[in-house]
Amino acid sequence: IFIIAVIVVIAVGAVYFFSPKAEKEPESEKVSENNSEVIRSVYSL
């Protein structure tokens, strides 16, 4: 039981460590439109 518990803790830690971190969405983002870069604003509801 002790060995299984240690394996589970290691597995959960590995999943957490290697999972991609979510980054906060920027307030504006760049969009390519007609070969020119346009910055679009994002309004959160």
All heavy atoms as atom14 arrays in JSON, in Angstrom:
{
  "sequence": "IFIIAVIVVIAVGAVYFFSPKAEKEPESEKVSENNSEVIRSVYSL",
  "atom14_mask": [
    [1, 1, 1, 1, 1, 1, 1, 1, 0, 0, 0, 0, 0, 0],
    [1, 1, 1, 1, 1, 1, 1, 1, 1, 1, 1, 0, 0, 0],
    [1, 1, 1, 1, 1, 1, 1, 1, 0, 0, 0, 0, 0, 0],
    [1, 1, 1, 1, 1, 1, 1, 1, 0, 0, 0, 0, 0, 0],
    [1, 1, 1, 1, 1, 0, 0, 0, 0, 0, 0, 0, 0, 0],
    [1, 1, 1, 1, 1, 1, 1, 0, 0, 0, 0, 0, 0, 0],
    [1, 1, 1, 1, 1, 1, 1, 1, 0, 0, 0, 0, 0, 0],
    [1, 1, 1, 1, 1, 1, 1, 0, 0, 0, 0, 0, 0, 0],
    [1, 1, 1, 1, 1, 1, 1, 0, 0, 0, 0, 0, 0, 0],
    [1, 1, 1, 1, 1, 1, 1, 1, 0, 0, 0, 0, 0, 0],
    [1, 1, 1, 1, 1, 0, 0, 0, 0, 0, 0, 0, 0, 0],
    [1, 1, 1, 1, 1, 1, 1, 0, 0, 0, 0, 0, 0, 0],
    [1, 1, 1, 1, 0, 0, 0, 0, 0, 0, 0, 0, 0, 0],
    [1, 1, 1, 1, 1, 0, 0, 0, 0, 0, 0, 0, 0, 0],
    [1, 1, 1, 1, 1, 1, 1, 0, 0, 0, 0, 0, 0, 0],
    [1, 1, 1, 1, 1, 1, 1, 1, 1, 1, 1, 1, 0, 0],
    [1, 1, 1, 1, 1, 1, 1, 1, 1, 1, 1, 0, 0, 0],
    [1, 1, 1, 1, 1, 1, 1, 1, 1, 1, 1, 0, 0, 0],
    [1, 1, 1, 1, 1, 1, 0, 0, 0, 0, 0, 0, 0, 0],
    [1, 1, 1, 1, 1, 1, 1, 0, 0, 0, 0, 0, 0, 0],
    [1, 1, 1, 1, 1, 1, 1, 1, 1, 0, 0, 0, 0, 0],
    [1, 1, 1, 1, 1, 0, 0, 0, 0, 0, 0, 0, 0, 0],
    [1, 1, 1, 1, 1, 1, 1, 1, 1, 0, 0, 0, 0, 0],
    [1, 1, 1, 1, 1, 1, 1, 1, 1, 0, 0, 0, 0, 0],
    [1, 1, 1, 1, 1, 1, 1, 1, 1, 0, 0, 0, 0, 0],
    [1, 1, 1, 1, 1, 1, 1, 0, 0, 0, 0, 0, 0, 0],
    [1, 1, 1, 1, 1, 1, 1, 1, 1, 0, 0, 0, 0, 0],
    [1, 1, 1, 1, 1, 1, 0, 0, 0, 0, 0, 0, 0, 0],
    [1, 1, 1, 1, 1, 1, 1, 1, 1, 0, 0, 0, 0, 0],
    [1, 1, 1, 1, 1, 1, 1, 1, 1, 0, 0, 0, 0, 0],
    [1, 1, 1, 1, 1, 1, 1, 0, 0, 0, 0, 0, 0, 0],
    [1, 1, 1, 1, 1, 1, 0, 0, 0, 0, 0, 0, 0, 0],
    [1, 1, 1, 1, 1, 1, 1, 1, 1, 0, 0, 0, 0, 0],
    [1, 1, 1, 1, 1, 1, 1, 1, 0, 0, 0, 0, 0, 0],
    [1, 1, 1, 1, 1, 1, 1, 1, 0, 0, 0, 0, 0, 0],
    [1, 1, 1, 1, 1, 1, 0, 0, 0, 0, 0, 0, 0, 0],
    [1, 1, 1, 1, 1, 1, 1, 1, 1, 0, 0, 0, 0, 0],
    [1, 1, 1, 1, 1, 1, 1, 0, 0, 0, 0, 0, 0, 0],
    [1, 1, 1, 1, 1, 1, 1, 1, 0, 0, 0, 0, 0, 0],
    [1, 1, 1, 1, 1, 1, 1, 1, 1, 1, 1, 0, 0, 0],
    [1, 1, 1, 1, 1, 1, 0, 0, 0, 0, 0, 0, 0, 0],
    [1, 1, 1, 1, 1, 1, 1, 0, 0, 0, 0, 0, 0, 0],
    [1, 1, 1, 1, 1, 1, 1, 1, 1, 1, 1, 1, 0, 0],
    [1, 1, 1, 1, 1, 1, 0, 0, 0, 0, 0, 0, 0, 0],
    [1, 1, 1, 1, 1, 1, 1, 1, 0, 0, 0, 0, 0, 0]
  ],
  "atom14_positions": [
    [[0.84, -1.21, 0.0], [0.0, 0.0, 0.0], [0.87, 1.24, 0.0], [0.61, 2.21, -0.72], [-0.97, -0.02, 1.21], [-2.01, -1.13, 1.03], [-1.65, 1.33, 1.37], [-2.89, -1.36, 2.23], [0.0, 0.0, 0.0], [0.0, 0.0, 0.0], [0.0, 0.0, 0.0], [0.0, 0.0, 0.0], [0.0, 0.0, 0.0], [0.0, 0.0, 0.0]],
    [[1.95, 1.23, 0.78], [2.87, 2.36, 0.83], [3.52, 2.59, -0.53], [3.61, 3.73, -1.02], [3.94, 2.13, 1.91], [4.96, 3.22, 1.98], [4.66, 4.43, 2.55], [6.24, 3.03, 1.45], [5.6, 5.46, 2.6], [7.18, 4.03, 1.5], [6.87, 5.26, 2.07], [0.0, 0.0, 0.0], [0.0, 0.0, 0.0], [0.0, 0.0, 0.0]],
    [[3.96, 1.56, -1.19], [4.6, 1.67, -2.51], [3.61, 2.2, -3.54], [3.94, 3.09, -4.34], [5.2, 0.31, -2.94], [6.4, -0.03, -2.05], [5.62, 0.34, -4.41], [6.95, -1.43, -2.25], [0.0, 0.0, 0.0], [0.0, 0.0, 0.0], [0.0, 0.0, 0.0], [0.0, 0.0, 0.0], [0.0, 0.0, 0.0], [0.0, 0.0, 0.0]],
    [[2.39, 1.71, -3.52], [1.35, 2.2, -4.45], [1.07, 3.68, -4.2], [0.94, 4.47, -5.13], [0.07, 1.34, -4.33], [0.33, -0.06, -4.88], [-1.09, 2.0, -5.07], [-0.81, -1.04, -4.66], [0.0, 0.0, 0.0], [0.0, 0.0, 0.0], [0.0, 0.0, 0.0], [0.0, 0.0, 0.0], [0.0, 0.0, 0.0], [0.0, 0.0, 0.0]],
    [[0.99, 4.08, -2.95], [0.73, 5.49, -2.61], [1.86, 6.38, -3.12], [1.62, 7.46, -3.68], [0.55, 5.67, -1.11], [0.0, 0.0, 0.0], [0.0, 0.0, 0.0], [0.0, 0.0, 0.0], [0.0, 0.0, 0.0], [0.0, 0.0, 0.0], [0.0, 0.0, 0.0], [0.0, 0.0, 0.0], [0.0, 0.0, 0.0], [0.0, 0.0, 0.0]],
    [[3.11, 5.93, -2.98], [4.25, 6.71, -3.47], [4.2, 6.84, -4.98], [4.43, 7.91, -5.55], [5.59, 6.06, -2.99], [6.77, 6.68, -3.71], [5.74, 6.2, -1.49], [0.0, 0.0, 0.0], [0.0, 0.0, 0.0], [0.0, 0.0, 0.0], [0.0, 0.0, 0.0], [0.0, 0.0, 0.0], [0.0, 0.0, 0.0], [0.0, 0.0, 0.0]],
    [[3.86, 5.75, -5.68], [3.76, 5.78, -7.15], [2.67, 6.74, -7.59], [2.86, 7.52, -8.53], [3.53, 4.36, -7.69], [4.78, 3.5, -7.48], [3.15, 4.4, -9.18], [4.6, 2.04, -7.81], [0.0, 0.0, 0.0], [0.0, 0.0, 0.0], [0.0, 0.0, 0.0], [0.0, 0.0, 0.0], [0.0, 0.0, 0.0], [0.0, 0.0, 0.0]],
    [[1.53, 6.75, -6.92], [0.43, 7.64, -7.26], [0.84, 9.1, -7.07], [0.59, 9.96, -7.92], [-0.84, 7.31, -6.43], [-1.89, 8.39, -6.58], [-1.4, 5.96, -6.85], [0.0, 0.0, 0.0], [0.0, 0.0, 0.0], [0.0, 0.0, 0.0], [0.0, 0.0, 0.0], [0.0, 0.0, 0.0], [0.0, 0.0, 0.0], [0.0, 0.0, 0.0]],
    [[1.51, 9.39, -5.96], [1.96, 10.76, -5.7], [2.96, 11.21, -6.76], [2.88, 12.33, -7.27], [2.57, 10.88, -4.27], [3.28, 12.2, -4.09], [1.49, 10.69, -3.22], [0.0, 0.0, 0.0], [0.0, 0.0, 0.0], [0.0, 0.0, 0.0], [0.0, 0.0, 0.0], [0.0, 0.0, 0.0], [0.0, 0.0, 0.0], [0.0, 0.0, 0.0]],
    [[3.87, 10.34, -7.13], [4.86, 10.68, -8.17], [4.15, 10.9, -9.51], [4.47, 11.85, -10.24], [5.93, 9.58, -8.27], [6.81, 9.6, -7.02], [6.78, 9.76, -9.53], [7.77, 8.43, -6.91], [0.0, 0.0, 0.0], [0.0, 0.0, 0.0], [0.0, 0.0, 0.0], [0.0, 0.0, 0.0], [0.0, 0.0, 0.0], [0.0, 0.0, 0.0]],
    [[3.18, 10.05, -9.85], [2.46, 10.21, -11.12], [1.68, 11.52, -11.17], [1.71, 12.23, -12.17], [1.51, 9.02, -11.33], [0.0, 0.0, 0.0], [0.0, 0.0, 0.0], [0.0, 0.0, 0.0], [0.0, 0.0, 0.0], [0.0, 0.0, 0.0], [0.0, 0.0, 0.0], [0.0, 0.0, 0.0], [0.0, 0.0, 0.0], [0.0, 0.0, 0.0]],
    [[0.99, 11.85, -10.08], [0.24, 13.11, -10.04], [1.18, 14.3, -10.15], [0.93, 15.26, -10.89], [-0.61, 13.19, -8.75], [-1.2, 14.58, -8.56], [-1.71, 12.14, -8.78], [0.0, 0.0, 0.0], [0.0, 0.0, 0.0], [0.0, 0.0, 0.0], [0.0, 0.0, 0.0], [0.0, 0.0, 0.0], [0.0, 0.0, 0.0], [0.0, 0.0, 0.0]],
    [[2.31, 14.24, -9.47], [3.29, 15.32, -9.56], [3.84, 15.46, -10.97], [4.03, 16.57, -11.47], [0.0, 0.0, 0.0], [0.0, 0.0, 0.0], [0.0, 0.0, 0.0], [0.0, 0.0, 0.0], [0.0, 0.0, 0.0], [0.0, 0.0, 0.0], [0.0, 0.0, 0.0], [0.0, 0.0, 0.0], [0.0, 0.0, 0.0], [0.0, 0.0, 0.0]],
    [[4.1, 14.35, -11.64], [4.62, 14.4, -13.01], [3.6, 15.0, -13.96], [3.94, 15.81, -14.82], [5.01, 13.0, -13.47], [0.0, 0.0, 0.0], [0.0, 0.0, 0.0], [0.0, 0.0, 0.0], [0.0, 0.0, 0.0], [0.0, 0.0, 0.0], [0.0, 0.0, 0.0], [0.0, 0.0, 0.0], [0.0, 0.0, 0.0], [0.0, 0.0, 0.0]],
    [[2.34, 14.62, -13.82], [1.29, 15.18, -14.68], [1.18, 16.67, -14.46], [1.09, 17.45, -15.41], [-0.07, 14.48, -14.41], [-1.21, 15.22, -15.06], [-0.02, 13.04, -14.89], [0.0, 0.0, 0.0], [0.0, 0.0, 0.0], [0.0, 0.0, 0.0], [0.0, 0.0, 0.0], [0.0, 0.0, 0.0], [0.0, 0.0, 0.0], [0.0, 0.0, 0.0]],
    [[1.2, 17.12, -13.22], [1.1, 18.54, -12.92], [2.31, 19.29, -13.46], [2.18, 20.36, -14.05], [0.99, 18.75, -11.4], [1.0, 20.21, -11.01], [-0.14, 20.99, -11.17], [2.14, 20.81, -10.5], [-0.14, 22.33, -10.83], [2.15, 22.14, -10.15], [1.01, 22.9, -10.33], [1.02, 24.22, -9.99], [0.0, 0.0, 0.0], [0.0, 0.0, 0.0]],
    [[3.5, 18.73, -13.26], [4.73, 19.41, -13.68], [4.84, 19.53, -15.19], [5.26, 20.55, -15.72], [5.95, 18.66, -13.13], [7.26, 19.31, -13.46], [7.67, 20.44, -12.78], [8.07, 18.82, -14.47], [8.87, 21.06, -13.08], [9.27, 19.42, -14.78], [9.67, 20.54, -14.09], [0.0, 0.0, 0.0], [0.0, 0.0, 0.0], [0.0, 0.0, 0.0]],
    [[4.43, 18.49, -15.92], [4.61, 18.47, -17.37], [3.4, 18.98, -18.14], [3.46, 19.1, -19.35], [4.97, 17.07, -17.85], [6.35, 16.64, -17.44], [6.53, 15.64, -16.5], [7.46, 17.27, -17.96], [7.8, 15.26, -16.11], [8.74, 16.89, -17.57], [8.91, 15.89, -16.65], [0.0, 0.0, 0.0], [0.0, 0.0, 0.0], [0.0, 0.0, 0.0]],
    [[2.3, 19.27, -17.48], [1.13, 19.79, -18.18], [1.38, 21.24, -18.58], [2.03, 21.99, -17.85], [-0.12, 19.7, -17.31], [0.0, 20.52, -16.19], [0.0, 0.0, 0.0], [0.0, 0.0, 0.0], [0.0, 0.0, 0.0], [0.0, 0.0, 0.0], [0.0, 0.0, 0.0], [0.0, 0.0, 0.0], [0.0, 0.0, 0.0], [0.0, 0.0, 0.0]],
    [[0.84, 21.66, -19.76], [1.06, 23.05, -20.18], [0.35, 24.01, -19.25], [-0.77, 23.76, -18.81], [0.45, 23.1, -21.58], [-0.44, 21.91, -21.67], [0.06, 20.9, -20.7], [0.0, 0.0, 0.0], [0.0, 0.0, 0.0], [0.0, 0.0, 0.0], [0.0, 0.0, 0.0], [0.0, 0.0, 0.0], [0.0, 0.0, 0.0], [0.0, 0.0, 0.0]],
    [[1.01, 25.08, -18.94], [0.45, 26.09, -18.04], [-0.45, 27.03, -18.84], [-0.08, 27.51, -19.89], [1.56, 26.91, -17.37], [2.58, 26.07, -16.63], [1.99, 25.45, -15.39], [3.02, 24.75, -14.56], [3.14, 23.34, -14.76], [0.0, 0.0, 0.0], [0.0, 0.0, 0.0], [0.0, 0.0, 0.0], [0.0, 0.0, 0.0], [0.0, 0.0, 0.0]],
    [[-1.65, 27.29, -18.32], [-2.56, 28.22, -18.97], [-2.1, 29.63, -18.68], [-1.85, 29.99, -17.53], [-3.99, 28.02, -18.47], [0.0, 0.0, 0.0], [0.0, 0.0, 0.0], [0.0, 0.0, 0.0], [0.0, 0.0, 0.0], [0.0, 0.0, 0.0], [0.0, 0.0, 0.0], [0.0, 0.0, 0.0], [0.0, 0.0, 0.0], [0.0, 0.0, 0.0]],
    [[-1.99, 30.42, -19.71], [-1.59, 31.81, -19.54], [-2.82, 32.69, -19.67], [-3.76, 32.39, -20.39], [-0.57, 32.2, -20.61], [0.74, 31.46, -20.46], [1.76, 31.89, -21.49], [1.59, 32.98, -22.07], [2.71, 31.15, -21.71], [0.0, 0.0, 0.0], [0.0, 0.0, 0.0], [0.0, 0.0, 0.0], [0.0, 0.0, 0.0], [0.0, 0.0, 0.0]],
    [[-2.79, 33.81, -18.98], [-3.89, 34.74, -19.05], [-3.96, 35.33, -20.46], [-2.96, 35.68, -21.04], [-3.71, 35.86, -18.03], [-4.9, 36.76, -17.94], [-4.73, 37.82, -16.9], [-5.95, 38.7, -16.91], [-5.8, 39.84, -16.08], [0.0, 0.0, 0.0], [0.0, 0.0, 0.0], [0.0, 0.0, 0.0], [0.0, 0.0, 0.0], [0.0, 0.0, 0.0]],
    [[-5.19, 35.41, -20.97], [-5.37, 35.94, -22.32], [-5.04, 37.43, -22.35], [-5.43, 38.17, -21.46], [-6.84, 35.76, -22.73], [-6.98, 34.99, -24.0], [-8.43, 34.8, -24.36], [-9.01, 35.72, -24.95], [-8.95, 33.74, -24.03], [0.0, 0.0, 0.0], [0.0, 0.0, 0.0], [0.0, 0.0, 0.0], [0.0, 0.0, 0.0], [0.0, 0.0, 0.0]],
    [[-4.33, 37.85, -23.38], [-4.0, 39.27, -23.47], [-5.25, 40.11, -23.73], [-6.23, 39.62, -24.28], [-3.04, 39.34, -24.66], [-3.35, 38.13, -25.47], [-3.83, 37.08, -24.5], [0.0, 0.0, 0.0], [0.0, 0.0, 0.0], [0.0, 0.0, 0.0], [0.0, 0.0, 0.0], [0.0, 0.0, 0.0], [0.0, 0.0, 0.0], [0.0, 0.0, 0.0]],
    [[-5.18, 41.36, -23.34], [-6.31, 42.26, -23.56], [-6.53, 42.55, -25.04], [-7.61, 42.87, -25.46], [-6.09, 43.57, -22.8], [-6.3, 43.44, -21.31], [-7.68, 42.95, -20.95], [-8.66, 43.51, -21.46], [-7.78, 42.0, -20.17], [0.0, 0.0, 0.0], [0.0, 0.0, 0.0], [0.0, 0.0, 0.0], [0.0, 0.0, 0.0], [0.0, 0.0, 0.0]],
    [[-5.49, 42.51, -25.82], [-5.64, 42.67, -27.26], [-4.75, 41.67, -27.94], [-3.78, 41.19, -27.38], [-5.26, 44.1, -27.68], [-3.92, 44.35, -27.39], [0.0, 0.0, 0.0], [0.0, 0.0, 0.0], [0.0, 0.0, 0.0], [0.0, 0.0, 0.0], [0.0, 0.0, 0.0], [0.0, 0.0, 0.0], [0.0, 0.0, 0.0], [0.0, 0.0, 0.0]],
    [[-5.12, 41.3, -29.14], [-4.34, 40.33, -29.86], [-4.14, 40.79, -31.29], [-4.91, 41.57, -31.82], [-5.0, 38.96, -29.82], [-6.41, 38.96, -30.32], [-7.09, 37.63, -30.1], [-7.11, 37.16, -28.97], [-7.58, 37.08, -31.08], [0.0, 0.0, 0.0], [0.0, 0.0, 0.0], [0.0, 0.0, 0.0], [0.0, 0.0, 0.0], [0.0, 0.0, 0.0]],
    [[-3.09, 40.28, -31.9], [-2.76, 40.7, -33.25], [-3.42, 39.77, -34.25], [-3.39, 38.56, -34.1], [-1.25, 40.7, -33.45], [-0.55, 41.69, -32.56], [0.93, 41.64, -32.75], [1.6, 42.65, -31.82], [3.03, 42.64, -31.92], [0.0, 0.0, 0.0], [0.0, 0.0, 0.0], [0.0, 0.0, 0.0], [0.0, 0.0, 0.0], [0.0, 0.0, 0.0]],
    [[-4.01, 40.32, -35.28], [-4.66, 39.56, -36.32], [-4.11, 40.01, -37.66], [-4.0, 41.2, -37.92], [-6.2, 39.79, -36.27], [-6.89, 39.03, -37.37], [-6.74, 39.4, -34.92], [0.0, 0.0, 0.0], [0.0, 0.0, 0.0], [0.0, 0.0, 0.0], [0.0, 0.0, 0.0], [0.0, 0.0, 0.0], [0.0, 0.0, 0.0], [0.0, 0.0, 0.0]],
    [[-3.8, 39.05, -38.5], [-3.29, 39.39, -39.81], [-4.47, 39.63, -40.74], [-5.33, 38.78, -40.89], [-2.42, 38.26, -40.35], [-1.98, 38.57, -41.65], [0.0, 0.0, 0.0], [0.0, 0.0, 0.0], [0.0, 0.0, 0.0], [0.0, 0.0, 0.0], [0.0, 0.0, 0.0], [0.0, 0.0, 0.0], [0.0, 0.0, 0.0], [0.0, 0.0, 0.0]],
    [[-4.51, 40.78, -41.35], [-5.61, 41.14, -42.24], [-5.05, 41.9, -43.43], [-4.45, 42.96, -43.27], [-6.62, 42.0, -41.46], [-7.93, 42.18, -42.17], [-8.92, 42.89, -41.28], [-9.45, 42.26, -40.37], [-9.14, 44.09, -41.53], [0.0, 0.0, 0.0], [0.0, 0.0, 0.0], [0.0, 0.0, 0.0], [0.0, 0.0, 0.0], [0.0, 0.0, 0.0]],
    [[-5.21, 41.35, -44.63], [-4.7, 41.95, -45.86], [-3.2, 42.25, -45.76], [-2.73, 43.32, -46.09], [-5.45, 43.24, -46.2], [-6.92, 42.98, -46.46], [-7.29, 41.89, -46.91], [-7.75, 43.95, -46.17], [0.0, 0.0, 0.0], [0.0, 0.0, 0.0], [0.0, 0.0, 0.0], [0.0, 0.0, 0.0], [0.0, 0.0, 0.0], [0.0, 0.0, 0.0]],
    [[-2.45, 41.26, -45.27], [-1.0, 41.36, -45.13], [-0.56, 42.49, -44.21], [0.59, 42.9, -44.24], [-0.32, 41.51, -46.5], [-0.5, 40.27, -47.34], [-0.6, 39.17, -46.8], [-0.53, 40.43, -48.64], [0.0, 0.0, 0.0], [0.0, 0.0, 0.0], [0.0, 0.0, 0.0], [0.0, 0.0, 0.0], [0.0, 0.0, 0.0], [0.0, 0.0, 0.0]],
    [[-1.45, 43.05, -43.44], [-1.06, 44.06, -42.46], [-1.51, 43.58, -41.09], [-2.48, 42.84, -40.97], [-1.69, 45.41, -42.79], [-3.09, 45.33, -42.67], [0.0, 0.0, 0.0], [0.0, 0.0, 0.0], [0.0, 0.0, 0.0], [0.0, 0.0, 0.0], [0.0, 0.0, 0.0], [0.0, 0.0, 0.0], [0.0, 0.0, 0.0], [0.0, 0.0, 0.0]],
    [[-0.81, 43.99, -40.08], [-1.1, 43.54, -38.73], [-2.07, 44.51, -38.07], [-1.82, 45.71, -38.0], [0.2, 43.47, -37.95], [0.18, 42.43, -36.89], [1.55, 42.23, -36.32], [1.97, 43.08, -35.52], [2.19, 41.24, -36.68], [0.0, 0.0, 0.0], [0.0, 0.0, 0.0], [0.0, 0.0, 0.0], [0.0, 0.0, 0.0], [0.0, 0.0, 0.0]],
    [[-3.19, 43.97, -37.6], [-4.2, 44.77, -36.93], [-4.31, 44.27, -35.5], [-4.35, 43.06, -35.26], [-5.57, 44.63, -37.64], [-6.64, 45.42, -36.9], [-5.47, 45.06, -39.07], [0.0, 0.0, 0.0], [0.0, 0.0, 0.0], [0.0, 0.0, 0.0], [0.0, 0.0, 0.0], [0.0, 0.0, 0.0], [0.0, 0.0, 0.0], [0.0, 0.0, 0.0]],
    [[-4.35, 45.17, -34.54], [-4.5, 44.78, -33.14], [-5.97, 44.91, -32.78], [-6.58, 45.97, -32.92], [-3.63, 45.65, -32.22], [-2.16, 45.43, -32.58], [-3.91, 45.33, -30.77], [-1.21, 46.26, -31.77], [0.0, 0.0, 0.0], [0.0, 0.0, 0.0], [0.0, 0.0, 0.0], [0.0, 0.0, 0.0], [0.0, 0.0, 0.0], [0.0, 0.0, 0.0]],
    [[-6.53, 43.8, -32.32], [-7.94, 43.78, -31.95], [-8.07, 43.74, -30.44], [-7.35, 43.02, -29.75], [-8.63, 42.55, -32.55], [-8.59, 42.55, -34.07], [-9.97, 42.87, -34.61], [-9.93, 43.2, -36.02], [-10.22, 42.36, -36.99], [-10.56, 41.11, -36.72], [-10.19, 42.75, -38.24], [0.0, 0.0, 0.0], [0.0, 0.0, 0.0], [0.0, 0.0, 0.0]],
    [[-9.01, 44.49, -29.94], [-9.25, 44.56, -28.5], [-10.24, 43.46, -28.1], [-11.13, 43.1, -28.86], [-9.83, 45.93, -28.17], [-10.11, 46.04, -26.82], [0.0, 0.0, 0.0], [0.0, 0.0, 0.0], [0.0, 0.0, 0.0], [0.0, 0.0, 0.0], [0.0, 0.0, 0.0], [0.0, 0.0, 0.0], [0.0, 0.0, 0.0], [0.0, 0.0, 0.0]],
    [[-10.06, 42.94, -26.91], [-10.95, 41.92, -26.38], [-11.62, 42.45, -25.12], [-10.95, 42.95, -24.22], [-10.17, 40.62, -26.06], [-11.08, 39.59, -25.43], [-9.53, 40.06, -27.32], [0.0, 0.0, 0.0], [0.0, 0.0, 0.0], [0.0, 0.0, 0.0], [0.0, 0.0, 0.0], [0.0, 0.0, 0.0], [0.0, 0.0, 0.0], [0.0, 0.0, 0.0]],
    [[-12.95, 42.36, -25.08], [-13.74, 42.84, -23.94], [-14.34, 41.62, -23.24], [-15.12, 40.87, -23.83], [-14.85, 43.77, -24.43], [-15.58, 44.48, -23.32], [-15.22, 45.78, -22.95], [-16.61, 43.86, -22.63], [-15.88, 46.43, -21.93], [-17.27, 44.51, -21.6], [-16.9, 45.79, -21.25], [-17.55, 46.43, -20.23], [0.0, 0.0, 0.0], [0.0, 0.0, 0.0]],
    [[-13.98, 41.41, -21.99], [-14.45, 40.25, -21.23], [-15.78, 40.54, -20.56], [-15.93, 41.56, -19.9], [-13.42, 39.86, -20.17], [-12.21, 39.5, -20.76], [0.0, 0.0, 0.0], [0.0, 0.0, 0.0], [0.0, 0.0, 0.0], [0.0, 0.0, 0.0], [0.0, 0.0, 0.0], [0.0, 0.0, 0.0], [0.0, 0.0, 0.0], [0.0, 0.0, 0.0]],
    [[-16.72, 39.62, -20.74], [-18.02, 39.72, -20.09], [-18.04, 38.84, -18.85], [-17.29, 37.86, -18.76], [-19.13, 39.27, -21.05], [-19.33, 40.1, -22.3], [-20.37, 39.45, -23.2], [-19.77, 41.51, -21.95], [0.0, 0.0, 0.0], [0.0, 0.0, 0.0], [0.0, 0.0, 0.0], [0.0, 0.0, 0.0], [0.0, 0.0, 0.0], [0.0, 0.0, 0.0]]
  ]
}
